[in-house]
PDB file of N, CA and C in Angstrom:
ATOM      1  N   MET A   1      80.738 107.652 128.497  1.00  0.00           N
ATOM      2  CA  MET A   1      80.479 107.107 129.806  1.00  0.00           C
ATOM      3  C   MET A   1      81.820 106.721 130.433  1.00  0.00           C
ATOM      4  N   SER A   2      81.983 107.031 131.707  1.00  0.00           N
ATOM      5  CA  SER A   2      83.247 106.740 132.378  1.00  0.00           C
ATOM      6  C   SER A   2      83.244 105.317 132.933  1.00  0.00           C
ATOM      7  N   ILE A   3      84.441 104.792 133.150  1.00  0.00           N
ATOM      8  CA  ILE A   3      84.590 103.433 133.664  1.00  0.00           C
ATOM      9  C   ILE A   3      84.544 103.469 135.197  1.00  0.00           C
ATOM     10  N   ASP A   4      83.965 102.451 135.786  1.00  0.00           N
ATOM     11  CA  ASP A   4      83.871 102.364 137.235  1.00  0.00           C
ATOM     12  C   ASP A   4      85.267 102.222 137.834  1.00  0.00           C
ATOM     13  N   ARG A   5      85.468 102.792 139.025  1.00  0.00           N
ATOM     14  CA  ARG A   5      86.790 102.768 139.653  1.00  0.00           C
ATOM     15  C   ARG A   5      87.270 101.351 139.928  1.00  0.00           C
ATOM     16  N   SER A   6      86.370 100.452 140.244  1.00  0.00           N
ATOM     17  CA  SER A   6      86.766  99.080 140.554  1.00  0.00           C
ATOM     18  C   SER A   6      87.217  98.317 139.321  1.00  0.00           C
ATOM     19  N   LEU A   7      86.911  98.808 138.142  1.00  0.00           N
ATOM     20  CA  LEU A   7      87.268  98.120 136.902  1.00  0.00           C
ATOM     21  C   LEU A   7      88.525  98.689 136.249  1.00  0.00           C
ATOM     22  N   ARG A   8      89.095  99.695 136.819  1.00  0.00           N
ATOM     23  CA  ARG A   8      90.311 100.272 136.254  1.00  0.00           C
ATOM     24  C   ARG A   8      91.486  99.331 136.462  1.00  0.00           C
ATOM     25  N   SER A   9      92.544  99.566 135.687  1.00  0.00           N
ATOM     26  CA  SER A   9      93.728  98.726 135.816  1.00  0.00           C
ATOM     27  C   SER A   9      94.401  98.969 137.160  1.00  0.00           C
ATOM     28  N   LYS A  10      95.185  98.020 137.602  1.00  0.00           N
ATOM     29  CA  LYS A  10      95.804  98.084 138.924  1.00  0.00           C
ATOM     30  C   LYS A  10      96.746  99.272 139.060  1.00  0.00           C
ATOM     31  N   SER A  11      97.503  99.572 138.035  1.00  0.00           N
ATOM     32  CA  SER A  11      98.481 100.647 138.131  1.00  0.00           C
ATOM     33  C   SER A  11      97.825 102.011 138.327  1.00  0.00           C
ATOM     34  N   SER A  12      96.634 102.203 137.799  1.00  0.00           N
ATOM     35  CA  SER A  12      95.979 103.491 137.977  1.00  0.00           C
ATOM     36  C   SER A  12      95.398 103.631 139.374  1.00  0.00           C
ATOM     37  N   LEU A  13      95.202 102.509 140.073  1.00  0.00           N
ATOM     38  CA  LEU A  13      94.687 102.570 141.429  1.00  0.00           C
ATOM     39  C   LEU A  13      95.800 102.691 142.460  1.00  0.00           C
ATOM     40  N   GLU A  14      97.057 102.485 142.050  1.00  0.00           N
ATOM     41  CA  GLU A  14      98.176 102.603 142.971  1.00  0.00           C
ATOM     42  C   GLU A  14      98.426 104.060 143.287  1.00  0.00           C
ATOM     43  N   ARG A  15      98.505 104.342 144.552  1.00  0.00           N
ATOM     44  CA  ARG A  15      98.810 105.694 144.989  1.00  0.00           C
ATOM     45  C   ARG A  15      99.347 105.630 146.403  1.00  0.00           C
ATOM     46  N   HIS A  16      99.800 106.745 146.902  1.00  0.00           N
ATOM     47  CA  HIS A  16     100.364 106.792 148.251  1.00  0.00           C
ATOM     48  C   HIS A  16      99.245 106.561 149.270  1.00  0.00           C
ATOM     49  N   ARG A  17      99.512 105.673 150.217  1.00  0.00           N
ATOM     50  CA  ARG A  17      98.548 105.401 151.281  1.00  0.00           C
ATOM     51  C   ARG A  17      99.135 105.867 152.606  1.00  0.00           C
ATOM     52  N   ASN A  18      98.331 106.544 153.400  1.00  0.00           N
ATOM     53  CA  ASN A  18      98.783 106.985 154.715  1.00  0.00           C
ATOM     54  C   ASN A  18      98.659 105.875 155.742  1.00  0.00           C
ATOM     55  N   VAL A  19      97.752 104.944 155.534  1.00  0.00           N
ATOM     56  CA  VAL A  19      97.503 103.876 156.489  1.00  0.00           C
ATOM     57  C   VAL A  19      98.216 102.617 156.019  1.00  0.00           C
ATOM     58  N   LEU A  20      99.033 102.039 156.895  1.00  0.00           N
ATOM     59  CA  LEU A  20      99.760 100.821 156.568  1.00  0.00           C
ATOM     60  C   LEU A  20      99.016  99.613 157.129  1.00  0.00           C
ATOM     61  N   THR A  21      99.151  98.487 156.463  1.00  0.00           N
ATOM     62  CA  THR A  21      98.590  97.251 156.990  1.00  0.00           C
ATOM     63  C   THR A  21      99.447  96.763 158.145  1.00  0.00           C
ATOM     64  N   ARG A  22      98.931  95.813 158.897  1.00  0.00           N
ATOM     65  CA  ARG A  22      99.659  95.300 160.061  1.00  0.00           C
ATOM     66  C   ARG A  22     101.010  94.714 159.651  1.00  0.00           C
ATOM     67  N   THR A  23     101.026  93.963 158.554  1.00  0.00           N
ATOM     68  CA  THR A  23     102.292  93.354 158.120  1.00  0.00           C
ATOM     69  C   THR A  23     103.290  94.426 157.680  1.00  0.00           C
ATOM     70  N   GLU A  24     102.822  95.488 157.038  1.00  0.00           N
ATOM     71  CA  GLU A  24     103.710  96.574 156.633  1.00  0.00           C
ATOM     72  C   GLU A  24     104.261  97.306 157.850  1.00  0.00           C
ATOM     73  N   ARG A  25     103.439  97.476 158.885  1.00  0.00           N
ATOM     74  CA  ARG A  25     103.901  98.135 160.106  1.00  0.00           C
ATOM     75  C   ARG A  25     104.942  97.280 160.821  1.00  0.00           C
ATOM     76  N   ILE A  26     104.723  95.959 160.865  1.00  0.00           N
ATOM     77  CA  ILE A  26     105.690  95.063 161.502  1.00  0.00           C
ATOM     78  C   ILE A  26     107.010  95.089 160.732  1.00  0.00           C
ATOM     79  N   ALA A  27     106.929  95.088 159.393  1.00  0.00           N
ATOM     80  CA  ALA A  27     108.148  95.134 158.576  1.00  0.00           C
ATOM     81  C   ALA A  27     108.900  96.440 158.810  1.00  0.00           C
ATOM     82  N   ALA A  28     108.181  97.544 158.947  1.00  0.00           N
ATOM     83  CA  ALA A  28     108.825  98.827 159.197  1.00  0.00           C
ATOM     84  C   ALA A  28     109.479  98.840 160.575  1.00  0.00           C
ATOM     85  N   LEU A  29     108.813  98.242 161.565  1.00  0.00           N
ATOM     86  CA  LEU A  29     109.391  98.166 162.908  1.00  0.00           C
ATOM     87  C   LEU A  29     110.641  97.287 162.916  1.00  0.00           C
ATOM     88  N   GLN A  30     110.635  96.222 162.115  1.00  0.00           N
ATOM     89  CA  GLN A  30     111.821  95.369 162.019  1.00  0.00           C
ATOM     90  C   GLN A  30     112.969  96.133 161.390  1.00  0.00           C
ATOM     91  N   ASP A  31     112.691  96.959 160.397  1.00  0.00           N
ATOM     92  CA  ASP A  31     113.738  97.767 159.775  1.00  0.00           C
ATOM     93  C   ASP A  31     114.325  98.768 160.772  1.00  0.00           C
ATOM     94  N   LEU A  32     113.468  99.290 161.654  1.00  0.00           N
ATOM     95  CA  LEU A  32     113.924 100.240 162.667  1.00  0.00           C
ATOM     96  C   LEU A  32     114.497  99.540 163.895  1.00  0.00           C
ATOM     97  N   GLU A  33     114.498  98.208 163.876  1.00  0.00           N
ATOM     98  CA  GLU A  33     114.976  97.376 164.978  1.00  0.00           C
ATOM     99  C   GLU A  33     114.205  97.655 166.267  1.00  0.00           C
ATOM    100  N   SER A  34     112.891  97.932 166.140  1.00  0.00           N
ATOM    101  CA  SER A  34     112.029  98.176 167.289  1.00  0.00           C
ATOM    102  C   SER A  34     111.078  97.014 167.523  1.00  0.00           C
ATOM    103  N   TRP A  35     111.215  95.948 166.776  1.00  0.00           N
ATOM    104  CA  TRP A  35     110.295  94.820 166.853  1.00  0.00           C
ATOM    105  C   TRP A  35     111.027  93.590 167.382  1.00  0.00           C
ATOM    106  N   SER A  36     110.399  92.911 168.326  1.00  0.00           N
ATOM    107  CA  SER A  36     110.925  91.644 168.795  1.00  0.00           C
ATOM    108  C   SER A  36     109.824  90.596 168.658  1.00  0.00           C
ATOM    109  N   ASP A  37     110.211  89.333 168.591  1.00  0.00           N
ATOM    110  CA  ASP A  37     109.236  88.262 168.378  1.00  0.00           C
ATOM    111  C   ASP A  37     108.297  88.086 169.567  1.00  0.00           C
ATOM    112  N   GLU A  38     108.679  88.589 170.731  1.00  0.00           N
ATOM    113  CA  GLU A  38     107.833  88.465 171.904  1.00  0.00           C
ATOM    114  C   GLU A  38     106.686  89.466 171.906  1.00  0.00           C
ATOM    115  N   MET A  39     106.766  90.498 171.084  1.00  0.00           N
ATOM    116  CA  MET A  39     105.743  91.546 171.050  1.00  0.00           C
ATOM    117  C   MET A  39     104.473  91.025 170.398  1.00  0.00           C
ATOM    118  N   SER A  40     103.341  91.574 170.822  1.00  0.00           N
ATOM    119  CA  SER A  40     102.055  91.204 170.256  1.00  0.00           C
ATOM    120  C   SER A  40     101.823  91.975 168.962  1.00  0.00           C
ATOM    121  N   PRO A  41     101.218  91.354 167.955  1.00  0.00           N
ATOM    122  CA  PRO A  41     100.933  92.084 166.716  1.00  0.00           C
ATOM    123  C   PRO A  41      99.743  93.032 166.856  1.00  0.00           C
ATOM    124  N   PHE A  42      99.089  93.018 168.017  1.00  0.00           N
ATOM    125  CA  PHE A  42      97.962  93.909 168.263  1.00  0.00           C
ATOM    126  C   PHE A  42      98.436  95.121 169.045  1.00  0.00           C
ATOM    127  N   GLY A  43      97.849  96.261 168.790  1.00  0.00           N
ATOM    128  CA  GLY A  43      98.227  97.485 169.492  1.00  0.00           C
ATOM    129  C   GLY A  43      99.592  97.992 169.099  1.00  0.00           C
ATOM    130  N   LEU A  44      99.925  97.874 167.837  1.00  0.00           N
ATOM    131  CA  LEU A  44     101.225  98.332 167.351  1.00  0.00           C
ATOM    132  C   LEU A  44     101.307  99.855 167.411  1.00  0.00           C
ATOM    133  N   PRO A  45     102.494 100.407 167.614  1.00  0.00           N
ATOM    134  CA  PRO A  45     102.629 101.870 167.589  1.00  0.00           C
ATOM    135  C   PRO A  45     102.434 102.401 166.173  1.00  0.00           C
ATOM    136  N   LYS A  46     102.025 103.645 166.096  1.00  0.00           N
ATOM    137  CA  LYS A  46     101.849 104.275 164.793  1.00  0.00           C
ATOM    138  C   LYS A  46     103.213 104.520 164.166  1.00  0.00           C
ATOM    139  N   ILE A  47     103.254 104.426 162.854  1.00  0.00           N
ATOM    140  CA  ILE A  47     104.504 104.611 162.118  1.00  0.00           C
ATOM    141  C   ILE A  47     104.275 105.687 161.067  1.00  0.00           C
ATOM    142  N   ALA A  48     105.139 106.680 161.057  1.00  0.00           N
ATOM    143  CA  ALA A  48     105.025 107.742 160.062  1.00  0.00           C
ATOM    144  C   ALA A  48     105.359 107.169 158.696  1.00  0.00           C
ATOM    145  N   HIS A  49     104.472 107.364 157.759  1.00  0.00           N
ATOM    146  CA  HIS A  49     104.673 106.860 156.400  1.00  0.00           C
ATOM    147  C   HIS A  49     104.515 108.037 155.461  1.00  0.00           C
ATOM    148  N   ARG A  50     105.610 108.674 155.153  1.00  0.00           N
ATOM    149  CA  ARG A  50     105.592 109.873 154.317  1.00  0.00           C
ATOM    150  C   ARG A  50     105.960 109.523 152.893  1.00  0.00           C
ATOM    151  N   LYS A  51     105.360 110.227 151.979  1.00  0.00           N
ATOM    152  CA  LYS A  51     105.701 110.053 150.573  1.00  0.00           C
ATOM    153  C   LYS A  51     106.978 110.837 150.299  1.00  0.00           C
ATOM    154  N   ALA A  52     107.954 110.170 149.720  1.00  0.00           N
ATOM    155  CA  ALA A  52     109.237 110.811 149.425  1.00  0.00           C
ATOM    156  C   ALA A  52     109.071 111.761 148.251  1.00  0.00           C
ATOM    157  N   LYS A  53     109.590 112.964 148.429  1.00  0.00           N
ATOM    158  CA  LYS A  53     109.550 113.947 147.355  1.00  0.00           C
ATOM    159  C   LYS A  53     110.941 114.072 146.746  1.00  0.00           C
ATOM    160  N   ALA A  54     110.980 114.355 145.474  1.00  0.00           N
ATOM    161  CA  ALA A  54     112.264 114.541 144.801  1.00  0.00           C
ATOM    162  C   ALA A  54     112.856 115.873 145.230  1.00  0.00           C
ATOM    163  N   GLY A  55     114.123 115.864 145.548  1.00  0.00           N
ATOM    164  CA  GLY A  55     114.796 117.088 145.965  1.00  0.00           C
ATOM    165  C   GLY A  55     115.164 117.946 144.775  1.00  0.00           C
ATOM    166  N   LYS A  56     115.472 119.187 145.069  1.00  0.00           N
ATOM    167  CA  LYS A  56     115.871 120.091 143.997  1.00  0.00           C
ATOM    168  C   LYS A  56     117.296 119.777 143.569  1.00  0.00           C
ATOM    169  N   LYS A  57     117.546 119.859 142.281  1.00  0.00           N
ATOM    170  CA  LYS A  57     118.879 119.605 141.747  1.00  0.00           C
ATOM    171  C   LYS A  57     119.670 120.901 141.723  1.00  0.00           C
ATOM    172  N   LYS A  58     120.972 120.770 141.878  1.00  0.00           N
ATOM    173  CA  LYS A  58     121.837 121.931 141.814  1.00  0.00           C
ATOM    174  C   LYS A  58     121.935 122.400 140.369  1.00  0.00           C
ATOM    175  N   ALA A  59     122.247 123.656 140.231  1.00  0.00           N
ATOM    176  CA  ALA A  59     122.387 124.222 138.890  1.00  0.00           C
ATOM    177  C   ALA A  59     123.565 123.583 138.171  1.00  0.00           C
ATOM    178  N   LYS A  60     123.388 123.268 136.910  1.00  0.00           N
ATOM    179  CA  LYS A  60     124.451 122.623 136.134  1.00  0.00           C
ATOM    180  C   LYS A  60     125.608 123.578 135.879  1.00  0.00           C
ATOM    181  N   LYS A  61     125.322 124.874 135.826  1.00  0.00           N
ATOM    182  CA  LYS A  61     126.376 125.848 135.538  1.00  0.00           C
ATOM    183  C   LYS A  61     127.456 125.815 136.611  1.00  0.00           C
ATOM    184  N   GLU A  62     127.041 125.678 137.861  1.00  0.00           N
ATOM    185  CA  GLU A  62     128.021 125.633 138.948  1.00  0.00           C
ATOM    186  C   GLU A  62     128.903 124.396 138.831  1.00  0.00           C
ATOM    187  N   GLU A  63     128.299 123.246 138.510  1.00  0.00           N
ATOM    188  CA  GLU A  63     129.057 122.010 138.384  1.00  0.00           C
ATOM    189  C   GLU A  63     129.976 122.048 137.166  1.00  0.00           C
ATOM    190  N   GLU A  64     129.472 122.559 136.045  1.00  0.00           N
ATOM    191  CA  GLU A  64     130.277 122.623 134.830  1.00  0.00           C
ATOM    192  C   GLU A  64     131.425 123.618 134.993  1.00  0.00           C
ATOM    193  N   GLY A  65     131.175 124.728 135.672  1.00  0.00           N
ATOM    194  CA  GLY A  65     132.202 125.734 135.879  1.00  0.00           C
ATOM    195  C   GLY A  65     133.339 125.181 136.714  1.00  0.00           C
ATOM    196  N   ALA A  66     133.030 124.354 137.679  1.00  0.00           N
ATOM    197  CA  ALA A  66     134.062 123.763 138.545  1.00  0.00           C
ATOM    198  C   ALA A  66     134.905 122.760 137.760  1.00  0.00           C
ATOM    199  N   THR A  67     134.312 122.007 136.866  1.00  0.00           N
ATOM    200  CA  THR A  67     135.058 121.023 136.099  1.00  0.00           C
ATOM    201  C   THR A  67     135.888 121.666 135.007  1.00  0.00           C
ATOM    202  N   THR A  68     135.435 122.746 134.377  1.00  0.00           N
ATOM    203  CA  THR A  68     136.201 123.379 133.304  1.00  0.00           C
ATOM    204  C   THR A  68     137.381 124.151 133.874  1.00  0.00           C
ATOM    205  N   ASP A  69     137.239 124.709 135.073  1.00  0.00           N
ATOM    206  CA  ASP A  69     138.363 125.424 135.683  1.00  0.00           C
ATOM    207  C   ASP A  69     139.494 124.469 136.032  1.00  0.00           C
ATOM    208  N   GLU A  70     139.170 123.290 136.475  1.00  0.00           N
ATOM    209  CA  GLU A  70     140.174 122.308 136.849  1.00  0.00           C
ATOM    210  C   GLU A  70     140.876 121.708 135.636  1.00  0.00           C
ATOM    211  N   SER A  71     140.164 121.583 134.517  1.00  0.00           N
ATOM    212  CA  SER A  71     140.748 120.921 133.365  1.00  0.00           C
ATOM    213  C   SER A  71     141.636 121.842 132.527  1.00  0.00           C
ATOM    214  N   SER A  72     141.467 123.163 132.652  1.00  0.00           N
ATOM    215  CA  SER A  72     142.292 124.074 131.851  1.00  0.00           C
ATOM    216  C   SER A  72     143.702 124.178 132.458  1.00  0.00           C
ATOM    217  N   PRO A  73     144.773 124.125 131.615  1.00  0.00           N
ATOM    218  CA  PRO A  73     146.152 124.146 132.136  1.00  0.00           C
ATOM    219  C   PRO A  73     146.638 125.475 132.531  1.00  0.00           C
TER     220      PRO A  73
END
């Protein structure tokens, strides 16, 4: 029998969310310097919240080849 989703541990329920809470949107606007204290917390603009993907790494052979050429006399 499987366990109910509400009873799972917190870490297994953590995942990327597309919808931000009001406080998260205000914090993001403050980081972008688009928020002032005079603004209303209602009717906030939408904020793109993308999940960061890991970039591709360069081939090690190219990096190693550059270092060995420089070190040889």
